[in-house]
Amino acid sequence: MEQINECKCGNKAVFNHHGKGYCGSWSALGVCNLFGYCKVKKTHSPELKRFWKKLDKLYGGKQK
């Protein structure tokens, strides 16, 4: 597995997810669901966006 050392914003990557580096991580429903997050640009990884869409379908959008 390739280690990515830099986030898109230029900061040091502390979390690698699907070949991309992120300067932060986001936990959803505990530490078993970790996703990438850029703290500078405040952008979530595409995987996290898909995860929230699935939860919205399951719970009818009542999670927010």
N, C-alpha and C. Protein backbone atom coordinates (compact mmCIF):
# COMPACT_ATOMS: atom_id res chain seq x y z
N MET A 1 0.84 -1.17 0.00
CA MET A 1 0.00 0.00 0.00
C MET A 1 0.89 1.24 0.00
N GLU A 2 0.59 2.16 -0.86
CA GLU A 2 1.38 3.37 -0.99
C GLU A 2 1.05 4.35 0.14
N GLN A 3 2.09 4.90 0.73
CA GLN A 3 1.93 5.88 1.80
C GLN A 3 1.93 7.29 1.20
N ILE A 4 0.84 8.02 1.36
CA ILE A 4 0.74 9.39 0.88
C ILE A 4 1.18 10.32 2.01
N ASN A 5 2.11 11.21 1.73
CA ASN A 5 2.69 12.04 2.78
C ASN A 5 2.14 13.45 2.83
N GLU A 6 1.30 13.82 1.87
CA GLU A 6 0.82 15.19 1.83
C GLU A 6 -0.66 15.26 1.47
N CYS A 7 -1.37 16.15 2.15
CA CYS A 7 -2.78 16.42 1.87
C CYS A 7 -2.87 17.36 0.67
N LYS A 8 -4.05 17.47 0.07
CA LYS A 8 -4.25 18.39 -1.06
C LYS A 8 -3.92 19.83 -0.70
N CYS A 9 -4.11 20.20 0.56
CA CYS A 9 -3.86 21.57 1.00
C CYS A 9 -2.38 21.86 1.19
N GLY A 10 -1.55 20.82 1.18
CA GLY A 10 -0.11 21.00 1.34
C GLY A 10 0.41 20.61 2.72
N ASN A 11 -0.48 20.41 3.68
CA ASN A 11 -0.07 19.98 5.02
C ASN A 11 0.33 18.52 5.03
N LYS A 12 1.01 18.11 6.08
CA LYS A 12 1.40 16.72 6.25
C LYS A 12 0.16 15.85 6.41
N ALA A 13 0.13 14.73 5.70
CA ALA A 13 -0.99 13.80 5.80
C ALA A 13 -0.85 12.94 7.05
N VAL A 14 -1.90 12.89 7.85
CA VAL A 14 -1.91 12.04 9.05
C VAL A 14 -2.84 10.84 8.86
N PHE A 15 -3.57 10.83 7.75
CA PHE A 15 -4.52 9.75 7.48
C PHE A 15 -4.53 9.47 5.98
N ASN A 16 -4.42 8.19 5.60
CA ASN A 16 -4.47 7.78 4.21
C ASN A 16 -5.71 6.95 3.98
N HIS A 17 -6.44 7.26 2.91
CA HIS A 17 -7.66 6.54 2.61
C HIS A 17 -7.83 6.43 1.11
N HIS A 18 -7.83 5.21 0.60
CA HIS A 18 -8.02 4.92 -0.83
C HIS A 18 -7.08 5.73 -1.72
N GLY A 19 -5.81 5.75 -1.35
CA GLY A 19 -4.80 6.39 -2.18
C GLY A 19 -4.73 7.90 -2.09
N LYS A 20 -5.42 8.49 -1.13
CA LYS A 20 -5.37 9.93 -0.93
C LYS A 20 -4.93 10.22 0.49
N GLY A 21 -4.18 11.31 0.66
CA GLY A 21 -3.74 11.72 1.99
C GLY A 21 -4.62 12.84 2.52
N TYR A 22 -4.87 12.82 3.82
CA TYR A 22 -5.69 13.84 4.47
C TYR A 22 -4.96 14.34 5.71
N CYS A 23 -5.11 15.64 6.00
CA CYS A 23 -4.45 16.21 7.18
C CYS A 23 -5.27 16.00 8.45
N GLY A 24 -6.42 15.36 8.34
CA GLY A 24 -7.24 15.04 9.50
C GLY A 24 -8.08 13.81 9.23
N SER A 25 -8.75 13.34 10.26
CA SER A 25 -9.64 12.19 10.08
C SER A 25 -10.97 12.50 10.76
N TRP A 26 -12.01 11.82 10.30
CA TRP A 26 -13.37 12.02 10.81
C TRP A 26 -13.90 10.67 11.23
N SER A 27 -14.43 10.58 12.42
CA SER A 27 -14.98 9.33 12.92
C SER A 27 -16.50 9.40 12.90
N ALA A 28 -17.13 8.37 12.39
CA ALA A 28 -18.58 8.30 12.35
C ALA A 28 -19.03 7.03 13.06
N LEU A 29 -19.88 7.17 14.05
CA LEU A 29 -20.41 6.04 14.81
C LEU A 29 -19.30 5.21 15.44
N GLY A 30 -18.34 5.84 16.04
CA GLY A 30 -17.24 5.14 16.71
C GLY A 30 -15.98 5.11 15.88
N VAL A 31 -14.94 4.53 16.44
CA VAL A 31 -13.64 4.52 15.78
C VAL A 31 -13.51 3.46 14.69
N CYS A 32 -14.51 2.63 14.51
CA CYS A 32 -14.46 1.61 13.46
C CYS A 32 -14.75 2.20 12.09
N ASN A 33 -15.30 3.38 12.02
CA ASN A 33 -15.62 4.04 10.76
C ASN A 33 -14.82 5.34 10.65
N LEU A 34 -13.56 5.24 10.23
CA LEU A 34 -12.71 6.41 10.08
C LEU A 34 -12.65 6.81 8.61
N PHE A 35 -12.70 8.11 8.37
CA PHE A 35 -12.67 8.64 7.02
C PHE A 35 -11.72 9.83 6.97
N GLY A 36 -11.28 10.19 5.76
CA GLY A 36 -10.39 11.33 5.59
C GLY A 36 -11.13 12.66 5.66
N TYR A 37 -10.40 13.68 6.14
CA TYR A 37 -10.96 15.02 6.28
C TYR A 37 -9.82 16.03 6.17
N CYS A 38 -10.02 17.06 5.35
CA CYS A 38 -9.04 18.14 5.24
C CYS A 38 -9.44 19.25 6.19
N LYS A 39 -8.59 19.52 7.18
CA LYS A 39 -8.90 20.53 8.19
C LYS A 39 -8.79 21.95 7.64
N VAL A 40 -7.96 22.16 6.63
CA VAL A 40 -7.76 23.50 6.06
C VAL A 40 -8.93 23.88 5.15
N LYS A 41 -9.24 22.99 4.19
CA LYS A 41 -10.32 23.26 3.23
C LYS A 41 -11.68 22.83 3.76
N LYS A 42 -11.69 22.12 4.89
CA LYS A 42 -12.92 21.62 5.52
C LYS A 42 -13.75 20.77 4.55
N THR A 43 -13.06 19.82 3.89
CA THR A 43 -13.74 18.92 2.95
C THR A 43 -13.66 17.49 3.47
N HIS A 44 -14.75 16.77 3.30
CA HIS A 44 -14.83 15.36 3.68
C HIS A 44 -14.45 14.49 2.50
N SER A 45 -14.02 13.28 2.79
CA SER A 45 -13.70 12.33 1.73
C SER A 45 -14.98 11.87 1.04
N PRO A 46 -14.88 11.45 -0.23
CA PRO A 46 -16.06 10.95 -0.94
C PRO A 46 -16.70 9.75 -0.24
N GLU A 47 -15.87 8.93 0.42
CA GLU A 47 -16.39 7.76 1.13
C GLU A 47 -17.29 8.18 2.30
N LEU A 48 -16.93 9.25 3.00
CA LEU A 48 -17.76 9.72 4.10
C LEU A 48 -19.09 10.27 3.60
N LYS A 49 -19.05 10.96 2.48
CA LYS A 49 -20.29 11.49 1.90
C LYS A 49 -21.24 10.35 1.52
N ARG A 50 -20.69 9.28 0.94
CA ARG A 50 -21.52 8.11 0.60
C ARG A 50 -22.05 7.43 1.86
N PHE A 51 -21.23 7.38 2.92
CA PHE A 51 -21.63 6.78 4.18
C PHE A 51 -22.84 7.52 4.77
N TRP A 52 -22.80 8.87 4.78
CA TRP A 52 -23.91 9.65 5.32
C TRP A 52 -25.17 9.48 4.47
N LYS A 53 -25.02 9.34 3.14
CA LYS A 53 -26.19 9.11 2.28
C LYS A 53 -26.87 7.79 2.63
N LYS A 54 -26.05 6.77 2.89
CA LYS A 54 -26.62 5.47 3.27
C LYS A 54 -27.36 5.56 4.60
N LEU A 55 -26.78 6.29 5.55
CA LEU A 55 -27.45 6.46 6.85
C LEU A 55 -28.75 7.23 6.69
N ASP A 56 -28.75 8.26 5.83
CA ASP A 56 -29.98 9.03 5.60
C ASP A 56 -31.08 8.15 5.03
N LYS A 57 -30.69 7.23 4.14
CA LYS A 57 -31.69 6.31 3.57
C LYS A 57 -32.24 5.38 4.65
N LEU A 58 -31.35 4.89 5.52
CA LEU A 58 -31.78 3.97 6.57
C LEU A 58 -32.68 4.63 7.61
N TYR A 59 -32.33 5.86 7.98
CA TYR A 59 -33.03 6.53 9.07
C TYR A 59 -33.94 7.66 8.61
N GLY A 60 -34.15 7.79 7.34
CA GLY A 60 -35.06 8.80 6.83
C GLY A 60 -34.61 10.24 7.00
N GLY A 61 -33.29 10.48 7.04
CA GLY A 61 -32.78 11.84 7.15
C GLY A 61 -32.89 12.44 8.53
N LYS A 62 -33.06 11.62 9.55
CA LYS A 62 -33.26 12.13 10.91
C LYS A 62 -31.95 12.24 11.69
N GLN A 63 -30.82 11.98 11.05
CA GLN A 63 -29.53 11.98 11.73
C GLN A 63 -28.99 13.38 11.99
N LYS A 64 -29.44 14.41 11.30
CA LYS A 64 -28.83 15.73 11.39
C LYS A 64 -29.37 16.52 12.48
